[in-house]
Amino acid sequence: MSKKLYLASRDKKVSGVCGGIAEYFSIDSTIIRLLWVLLTIFSLGIGGILAYVIAAAVMPSSSAY
């Protein structure tokens, strides 16, 4: 079975984007959250927030599988 990227249903804080990415790569979701926050603060700025909103809108929920 191939891996699929989806919003996390169990490990979510806001919408499940970081939890879904962490499940896809089989790593701890805290690492993904920290990387996302650090990238948003130090390089992406408002683009990081916009990317999160777009990812939350585009990624299917885990119940879709």
C-alpha atoms as a PDB file:
ATOM      1  CA  MET A   1       0.000   0.000   0.000  1.00  0.00           C
ATOM      2  CA  SER A   2       1.406   3.420  -0.917  1.00  0.00           C
ATOM      3  CA  LYS A   3       1.787   6.198   1.610  1.00  0.00           C
ATOM      4  CA  LYS A   4      -0.756   9.015   1.470  1.00  0.00           C
ATOM      5  CA  LEU A   5      -0.556  12.496   2.919  1.00  0.00           C
ATOM      6  CA  TYR A   6      -3.625  13.496   4.908  1.00  0.00           C
ATOM      7  CA  LEU A   7      -4.679  15.604   7.880  1.00  0.00           C
ATOM      8  CA  ALA A   8      -4.068  13.832  11.165  1.00  0.00           C
ATOM      9  CA  SER A   9      -7.153  12.925  13.139  1.00  0.00           C
ATOM     10  CA  ARG A  10      -5.448  11.968  16.404  1.00  0.00           C
ATOM     11  CA  ASP A  11      -2.328  14.122  16.550  1.00  0.00           C
ATOM     12  CA  LYS A  12      -3.615  17.584  15.755  1.00  0.00           C
ATOM     13  CA  LYS A  13      -3.337  20.931  17.468  1.00  0.00           C
ATOM     14  CA  VAL A  14      -4.937  23.307  14.961  1.00  0.00           C
ATOM     15  CA  SER A  15      -6.035  21.439  11.860  1.00  0.00           C
ATOM     16  CA  GLY A  16      -3.751  18.394  11.676  1.00  0.00           C
ATOM     17  CA  VAL A  17      -1.359  19.539   8.941  1.00  0.00           C
ATOM     18  CA  CYS A  18       1.847  19.036  10.934  1.00  0.00           C
ATOM     19  CA  GLY A  19       0.557  15.792  12.433  1.00  0.00           C
ATOM     20  CA  GLY A  20      -0.244  14.472   8.959  1.00  0.00           C
ATOM     21  CA  ILE A  21       3.178  15.422   7.630  1.00  0.00           C
ATOM     22  CA  ALA A  22       4.807  13.754  10.635  1.00  0.00           C
ATOM     23  CA  GLU A  23       2.817  10.553  10.078  1.00  0.00           C
ATOM     24  CA  TYR A  24       3.777  10.562   6.392  1.00  0.00           C
ATOM     25  CA  PHE A  25       7.498  10.785   7.184  1.00  0.00           C
ATOM     26  CA  SER A  26       7.230   8.596  10.338  1.00  0.00           C
ATOM     27  CA  ILE A  27       8.764  11.166  12.690  1.00  0.00           C
ATOM     28  CA  ASP A  28       7.596  12.982  15.789  1.00  0.00           C
ATOM     29  CA  SER A  29       5.046  15.732  15.098  1.00  0.00           C
ATOM     30  CA  THR A  30       6.766  18.056  17.573  1.00  0.00           C
ATOM     31  CA  ILE A  31       9.776  18.231  15.268  1.00  0.00           C
ATOM     32  CA  ILE A  32       7.580  19.226  12.321  1.00  0.00           C
ATOM     33  CA  ARG A  33       5.780  21.858  14.408  1.00  0.00           C
ATOM     34  CA  LEU A  34       9.059  23.353  15.620  1.00  0.00           C
ATOM     35  CA  LEU A  35      10.511  23.429  12.106  1.00  0.00           C
ATOM     36  CA  TRP A  36       7.358  25.060  10.732  1.00  0.00           C
ATOM     37  CA  VAL A  37       7.354  27.742  13.426  1.00  0.00           C
ATOM     38  CA  LEU A  38      11.076  28.439  13.064  1.00  0.00           C
ATOM     39  CA  LEU A  39      10.839  28.671   9.268  1.00  0.00           C
ATOM     40  CA  THR A  40       7.824  30.954   9.526  1.00  0.00           C
ATOM     41  CA  ILE A  41       9.525  33.270  12.013  1.00  0.00           C
ATOM     42  CA  PHE A  42      12.958  33.419  10.405  1.00  0.00           C
ATOM     43  CA  SER A  43      12.373  33.112   6.669  1.00  0.00           C
ATOM     44  CA  LEU A  44       8.879  32.611   5.357  1.00  0.00           C
ATOM     45  CA  GLY A  45       6.989  35.155   7.449  1.00  0.00           C
ATOM     46  CA  ILE A  46       3.381  35.527   6.372  1.00  0.00           C
ATOM     47  CA  GLY A  47       4.082  32.994   3.603  1.00  0.00           C
ATOM     48  CA  GLY A  48       4.470  30.246   6.198  1.00  0.00           C
ATOM     49  CA  ILE A  49       1.081  31.033   7.676  1.00  0.00           C
ATOM     50  CA  LEU A  50      -0.450  31.184   4.211  1.00  0.00           C
ATOM     51  CA  ALA A  51       1.180  27.854   3.306  1.00  0.00           C
ATOM     52  CA  TYR A  52      -0.336  26.269   6.443  1.00  0.00           C
ATOM     53  CA  VAL A  53      -3.810  27.574   5.586  1.00  0.00           C
ATOM     54  CA  ILE A  54      -3.518  26.316   2.008  1.00  0.00           C
ATOM     55  CA  ALA A  55      -2.261  22.916   3.195  1.00  0.00           C
ATOM     56  CA  ALA A  56      -5.181  22.667   5.640  1.00  0.00           C
ATOM     57  CA  ALA A  57      -7.629  23.437   2.834  1.00  0.00           C
ATOM     58  CA  VAL A  58      -6.069  21.104   0.248  1.00  0.00           C
ATOM     59  CA  MET A  59      -5.095  18.035   2.279  1.00  0.00           C
ATOM     60  CA  PRO A  60      -7.890  15.466   2.668  1.00  0.00           C
ATOM     61  CA  SER A  61      -8.897  14.289   6.125  1.00  0.00           C
ATOM     62  CA  SER A  62      -7.840  10.847   7.304  1.00  0.00           C
ATOM     63  CA  SER A  63     -11.475   9.702   7.280  1.00  0.00           C
ATOM     64  CA  ALA A  64     -11.408  10.014   3.465  1.00  0.00           C
ATOM     65  CA  TYR A  65      -9.182   6.904   3.324  1.00  0.00           C
END
